[in-house]
Amino acid sequence: RAYYISYTYEASSGNSSACGWVDTDINDIQSSDIVVITMTNSNGTYAMSNDNGTSSAPDAVEVEVDGTSLTSEITDNIKWNVSNNDGTLTIYPNGKNDIWLYCTNTNNGVRVGTNANKTFKIDATSGYLFHNGTSRYIGVYNSQDWRCYTTVHDNIKNQTLKFYKYVPCGPTET
């Protein structure tokens, strides 16, 4: 005698955890996480590039957002790692620790390199990325690059900072 057992599997949407590039609180980011840093203004949402060096500001790369997720193709030049030591942030291009994001004492002077002024925090009042060493706020200037100013300057005002962490998708529930 032979017995045959038949099963029918249906994919369900029971897995409620988000995956892909999801909006993440800075306190939930580990230094091993891959992160995209964005500012949103009236023109769109712009990620911070890590491919400029000590002579140019990081490019603003336009990305698309759907709800709490990035939907654009995410290229290597906008991926970062963030070290968070009780709210003191050091921001490295993904997979590197020999260069980092820093600010100079001049307006517009946000750079990627080896300058000692490398620690940031999230300003509690404005919600902006704030550089500890030079007391400057960082934002997207005219949708072309990231700059730093001593105030939430007219060139960068009314922007929203977000961090998107890559979260791998798990198996589909059945």
C-alpha atoms as a PDB file:
ATOM      1  CA  ARG A   1       0.000   0.000   0.000  1.00  0.00           C
ATOM      2  CA  ALA A   2       1.241   3.481  -0.881  1.00  0.00           C
ATOM      3  CA  TYR A   3       0.082   6.668   0.767  1.00  0.00           C
ATOM      4  CA  TYR A   4       0.502  10.033  -0.824  1.00  0.00           C
ATOM      5  CA  ILE A   5       0.322  13.199   1.181  1.00  0.00           C
ATOM      6  CA  SER A   6      -0.298  16.399  -0.685  1.00  0.00           C
ATOM      7  CA  TYR A   7       0.587  19.850   0.699  1.00  0.00           C
ATOM      8  CA  THR A   8      -0.344  23.213  -0.665  1.00  0.00           C
ATOM      9  CA  TYR A   9       1.906  26.133   0.280  1.00  0.00           C
ATOM     10  CA  GLU A  10       0.846  29.715   0.025  1.00  0.00           C
ATOM     11  CA  ALA A  11       3.081  32.704   0.575  1.00  0.00           C
ATOM     12  CA  SER A  12       1.698  34.955   3.256  1.00  0.00           C
ATOM     13  CA  SER A  13       2.408  38.467   4.323  1.00  0.00           C
ATOM     14  CA  GLY A  14       2.710  37.415   7.929  1.00  0.00           C
ATOM     15  CA  ASN A  15       6.332  38.527   8.211  1.00  0.00           C
ATOM     16  CA  SER A  16       5.904  42.132   9.356  1.00  0.00           C
ATOM     17  CA  SER A  17       9.588  43.022   9.761  1.00  0.00           C
ATOM     18  CA  ALA A  18      10.812  45.442   7.116  1.00  0.00           C
ATOM     19  CA  CYS A  19      13.758  44.561   4.938  1.00  0.00           C
ATOM     20  CA  GLY A  20      15.879  46.362   2.355  1.00  0.00           C
ATOM     21  CA  TRP A  21      17.015  49.952   3.008  1.00  0.00           C
ATOM     22  CA  VAL A  22      14.805  50.958   5.956  1.00  0.00           C
ATOM     23  CA  ASP A  23      14.604  54.181   7.973  1.00  0.00           C
ATOM     24  CA  THR A  24      16.430  53.484  11.229  1.00  0.00           C
ATOM     25  CA  ASP A  25      16.974  55.362  14.474  1.00  0.00           C
ATOM     26  CA  ILE A  26      20.650  56.243  14.938  1.00  0.00           C
ATOM     27  CA  ASN A  27      20.668  54.388  18.276  1.00  0.00           C
ATOM     28  CA  ASP A  28      19.762  51.134  16.486  1.00  0.00           C
ATOM     29  CA  ILE A  29      22.773  51.309  14.144  1.00  0.00           C
ATOM     30  CA  GLN A  30      25.843  49.165  14.825  1.00  0.00           C
ATOM     31  CA  SER A  31      29.273  50.046  13.372  1.00  0.00           C
ATOM     32  CA  SER A  32      29.089  46.949  11.159  1.00  0.00           C
ATOM     33  CA  ASP A  33      25.789  48.098   9.584  1.00  0.00           C
ATOM     34  CA  ILE A  34      25.763  49.591   6.111  1.00  0.00           C
ATOM     35  CA  VAL A  35      23.995  52.955   6.208  1.00  0.00           C
ATOM     36  CA  VAL A  36      22.794  55.604   3.751  1.00  0.00           C
ATOM     37  CA  ILE A  37      22.621  59.139   5.218  1.00  0.00           C
ATOM     38  CA  THR A  38      19.983  61.421   3.675  1.00  0.00           C
ATOM     39  CA  MET A  39      18.501  64.890   3.976  1.00  0.00           C
ATOM     40  CA  THR A  40      15.113  65.688   2.498  1.00  0.00           C
ATOM     41  CA  ASN A  41      14.141  69.186   1.414  1.00  0.00           C
ATOM     42  CA  SER A  42      11.482  70.640  -0.881  1.00  0.00           C
ATOM     43  CA  ASN A  43      13.441  69.452  -3.944  1.00  0.00           C
ATOM     44  CA  GLY A  44      13.784  65.794  -2.952  1.00  0.00           C
ATOM     45  CA  THR A  45      15.822  63.361  -0.861  1.00  0.00           C
ATOM     46  CA  TYR A  46      19.606  63.361  -1.202  1.00  0.00           C
ATOM     47  CA  ALA A  47      22.137  60.824   0.052  1.00  0.00           C
ATOM     48  CA  MET A  48      25.635  61.833   1.131  1.00  0.00           C
ATOM     49  CA  SER A  49      28.331  60.582  -1.215  1.00  0.00           C
ATOM     50  CA  ASN A  50      31.648  59.373   0.183  1.00  0.00           C
ATOM     51  CA  ASP A  51      33.697  59.642  -3.018  1.00  0.00           C
ATOM     52  CA  ASN A  52      35.055  63.181  -2.627  1.00  0.00           C
ATOM     53  CA  GLY A  53      38.200  63.822  -0.682  1.00  0.00           C
ATOM     54  CA  THR A  54      39.795  66.674   1.202  1.00  0.00           C
ATOM     55  CA  SER A  55      39.245  69.260  -1.542  1.00  0.00           C
ATOM     56  CA  SER A  56      35.512  68.911  -2.288  1.00  0.00           C
ATOM     57  CA  ALA A  57      32.266  68.591  -0.400  1.00  0.00           C
ATOM     58  CA  PRO A  58      30.492  65.224  -0.623  1.00  0.00           C
ATOM     59  CA  ASP A  59      28.081  65.113  -3.554  1.00  0.00           C
ATOM     60  CA  ALA A  60      24.337  65.042  -2.939  1.00  0.00           C
ATOM     61  CA  VAL A  61      22.997  61.977  -4.761  1.00  0.00           C
ATOM     62  CA  GLU A  62      19.232  61.990  -5.308  1.00  0.00           C
ATOM     63  CA  VAL A  63      17.469  58.875  -4.026  1.00  0.00           C
ATOM     64  CA  GLU A  64      13.838  57.765  -4.023  1.00  0.00           C
ATOM     65  CA  VAL A  65      11.883  57.031  -0.863  1.00  0.00           C
ATOM     66  CA  ASP A  66       8.645  55.085  -0.503  1.00  0.00           C
ATOM     67  CA  GLY A  67       7.280  55.434   3.024  1.00  0.00           C
ATOM     68  CA  THR A  68      10.121  54.359   5.303  1.00  0.00           C
ATOM     69  CA  SER A  69      12.287  52.630   2.673  1.00  0.00           C
ATOM     70  CA  LEU A  70      14.735  53.700  -0.011  1.00  0.00           C
ATOM     71  CA  THR A  71      13.676  52.343  -3.377  1.00  0.00           C
ATOM     72  CA  SER A  72      16.574  53.586  -5.531  1.00  0.00           C
ATOM     73  CA  GLU A  73      19.496  51.433  -6.563  1.00  0.00           C
ATOM     74  CA  ILE A  74      22.051  52.064  -3.814  1.00  0.00           C
ATOM     75  CA  THR A  75      25.563  52.501  -5.181  1.00  0.00           C
ATOM     76  CA  ASP A  76      28.777  51.972  -3.204  1.00  0.00           C
ATOM     77  CA  ASN A  77      29.584  55.684  -3.145  1.00  0.00           C
ATOM     78  CA  ILE A  78      26.651  56.460  -0.797  1.00  0.00           C
ATOM     79  CA  LYS A  79      27.231  53.651   1.707  1.00  0.00           C
ATOM     80  CA  TRP A  80      28.640  54.478   5.151  1.00  0.00           C
ATOM     81  CA  ASN A  81      29.421  52.886   8.509  1.00  0.00           C
ATOM     82  CA  VAL A  82      28.666  54.842  11.691  1.00  0.00           C
ATOM     83  CA  SER A  83      30.385  54.400  15.024  1.00  0.00           C
ATOM     84  CA  ASN A  84      28.074  55.578  17.821  1.00  0.00           C
ATOM     85  CA  ASN A  85      29.656  56.092  21.236  1.00  0.00           C
ATOM     86  CA  ASP A  86      26.859  57.402  23.513  1.00  0.00           C
ATOM     87  CA  GLY A  87      25.637  59.828  20.852  1.00  0.00           C
ATOM     88  CA  THR A  88      29.080  60.798  19.557  1.00  0.00           C
ATOM     89  CA  LEU A  89      29.185  59.715  15.914  1.00  0.00           C
ATOM     90  CA  THR A  90      32.134  58.989  13.636  1.00  0.00           C
ATOM     91  CA  ILE A  91      31.117  58.381  10.024  1.00  0.00           C
ATOM     92  CA  TYR A  92      33.280  56.221   7.721  1.00  0.00           C
ATOM     93  CA  PRO A  93      32.893  55.281   4.054  1.00  0.00           C
ATOM     94  CA  ASN A  94      31.609  51.693   4.050  1.00  0.00           C
ATOM     95  CA  GLY A  95      34.353  49.167   4.757  1.00  0.00           C
ATOM     96  CA  LYS A  96      37.034  51.779   5.515  1.00  0.00           C
ATOM     97  CA  ASN A  97      38.350  53.090   8.795  1.00  0.00           C
ATOM     98  CA  ASP A  98      41.369  55.041   7.560  1.00  0.00           C
ATOM     99  CA  ILE A  99      39.256  58.007   6.338  1.00  0.00           C
ATOM    100  CA  TRP A 100      36.092  59.607   7.717  1.00  0.00           C
ATOM    101  CA  LEU A 101      33.667  62.509   7.433  1.00  0.00           C
ATOM    102  CA  TYR A 102      34.938  65.729   9.051  1.00  0.00           C
ATOM    103  CA  CYS A 103      34.402  69.495   9.041  1.00  0.00           C
ATOM    104  CA  THR A 104      36.757  72.436   8.716  1.00  0.00           C
ATOM    105  CA  ASN A 105      36.403  75.871  10.290  1.00  0.00           C
ATOM    106  CA  THR A 106      35.212  77.419   7.030  1.00  0.00           C
ATOM    107  CA  ASN A 107      31.676  77.443   5.667  1.00  0.00           C
ATOM    108  CA  ASN A 108      31.019  74.639   3.217  1.00  0.00           C
ATOM    109  CA  GLY A 109      33.959  72.676   4.664  1.00  0.00           C
ATOM    110  CA  VAL A 110      32.521  69.197   5.122  1.00  0.00           C
ATOM    111  CA  ARG A 111      34.960  66.663   3.691  1.00  0.00           C
ATOM    112  CA  VAL A 112      36.069  63.025   3.668  1.00  0.00           C
ATOM    113  CA  GLY A 113      39.663  62.407   4.776  1.00  0.00           C
ATOM    114  CA  THR A 114      41.836  62.232   7.880  1.00  0.00           C
ATOM    115  CA  ASN A 115      41.344  65.578   9.661  1.00  0.00           C
ATOM    116  CA  ALA A 116      41.103  65.282  13.457  1.00  0.00           C
ATOM    117  CA  ASN A 117      37.694  67.063  13.550  1.00  0.00           C
ATOM    118  CA  LYS A 118      35.697  63.899  12.964  1.00  0.00           C
ATOM    119  CA  THR A 119      32.987  63.618  15.619  1.00  0.00           C
ATOM    120  CA  PHE A 120      29.334  64.530  15.179  1.00  0.00           C
ATOM    121  CA  LYS A 121      26.070  64.313  17.044  1.00  0.00           C
ATOM    122  CA  ILE A 122      22.425  64.743  16.172  1.00  0.00           C
ATOM    123  CA  ASP A 123      21.417  68.225  17.342  1.00  0.00           C
ATOM    124  CA  ALA A 124      18.468  67.762  19.708  1.00  0.00           C
ATOM    125  CA  THR A 125      16.813  71.064  18.775  1.00  0.00           C
ATOM    126  CA  SER A 126      17.092  71.084  14.988  1.00  0.00           C
ATOM    127  CA  GLY A 127      17.491  67.373  14.222  1.00  0.00           C
ATOM    128  CA  TYR A 128      20.497  68.183  12.009  1.00  0.00           C
ATOM    129  CA  LEU A 129      23.849  66.433  11.909  1.00  0.00           C
ATOM    130  CA  PHE A 130      26.042  68.698  14.066  1.00  0.00           C
ATOM    131  CA  HIS A 131      29.838  68.738  14.038  1.00  0.00           C
ATOM    132  CA  ASN A 132      31.264  68.800  17.571  1.00  0.00           C
ATOM    133  CA  GLY A 133      34.683  70.350  16.816  1.00  0.00           C
ATOM    134  CA  THR A 134      33.538  73.328  14.746  1.00  0.00           C
ATOM    135  CA  SER A 135      29.932  73.706  15.980  1.00  0.00           C
ATOM    136  CA  ARG A 136      28.538  73.524  12.441  1.00  0.00           C
ATOM    137  CA  TYR A 137      25.339  72.079  11.026  1.00  0.00           C
ATOM    138  CA  ILE A 138      25.436  69.869   7.934  1.00  0.00           C
ATOM    139  CA  GLY A 139      22.858  69.853   5.165  1.00  0.00           C
ATOM    140  CA  VAL A 140      22.327  69.653   1.398  1.00  0.00           C
ATOM    141  CA  TYR A 141      23.137  72.845  -0.507  1.00  0.00           C
ATOM    142  CA  ASN A 142      21.083  73.500  -3.677  1.00  0.00           C
ATOM    143  CA  SER A 143      20.658  69.753  -4.263  1.00  0.00           C
ATOM    144  CA  GLN A 144      24.288  69.502  -5.403  1.00  0.00           C
ATOM    145  CA  ASP A 145      26.482  68.784  -2.366  1.00  0.00           C
ATOM    146  CA  TRP A 146      26.635  68.642   1.434  1.00  0.00           C
ATOM    147  CA  ARG A 147      27.934  71.681   3.330  1.00  0.00           C
ATOM    148  CA  CYS A 148      28.365  72.860   6.895  1.00  0.00           C
ATOM    149  CA  TYR A 149      27.393  76.198   8.428  1.00  0.00           C
ATOM    150  CA  THR A 150      27.574  77.789  11.889  1.00  0.00           C
ATOM    151  CA  THR A 151      23.752  78.029  11.957  1.00  0.00           C
ATOM    152  CA  VAL A 152      20.911  76.253  10.250  1.00  0.00           C
ATOM    153  CA  HIS A 153      21.759  78.617   7.420  1.00  0.00           C
ATOM    154  CA  ASP A 154      19.227  79.663   4.742  1.00  0.00           C
ATOM    155  CA  ASN A 155      21.093  77.426   2.267  1.00  0.00           C
ATOM    156  CA  ILE A 156      20.301  74.276   4.260  1.00  0.00           C
ATOM    157  CA  LYS A 157      17.199  75.093   6.330  1.00  0.00           C
ATOM    158  CA  ASN A 158      14.017  73.022   6.473  1.00  0.00           C
ATOM    159  CA  GLN A 159      15.693  69.665   5.876  1.00  0.00           C
ATOM    160  CA  THR A 160      15.071  66.318   7.527  1.00  0.00           C
ATOM    161  CA  LEU A 161      17.991  64.012   8.375  1.00  0.00           C
ATOM    162  CA  LYS A 162      17.464  60.243   8.135  1.00  0.00           C
ATOM    163  CA  PHE A 163      19.599  57.138   8.324  1.00  0.00           C
ATOM    164  CA  TYR A 164      18.674  54.090   6.243  1.00  0.00           C
ATOM    165  CA  LYS A 165      20.160  50.765   7.297  1.00  0.00           C
ATOM    166  CA  TYR A 166      20.337  47.724   5.052  1.00  0.00           C
ATOM    167  CA  VAL A 167      18.308  44.894   6.564  1.00  0.00           C
ATOM    168  CA  PRO A 168      18.438  41.589   4.639  1.00  0.00           C
ATOM    169  CA  CYS A 169      15.091  40.024   3.822  1.00  0.00           C
ATOM    170  CA  GLY A 170      14.381  36.740   5.545  1.00  0.00           C
ATOM    171  CA  PRO A 171      12.626  33.694   4.118  1.00  0.00           C
ATOM    172  CA  THR A 172       8.990  34.072   3.135  1.00  0.00           C
ATOM    173  CA  GLU A 173       6.556  32.606   5.648  1.00  0.00           C
ATOM    174  CA  THR A 174       4.316  29.891   4.348  1.00  0.00           C
END
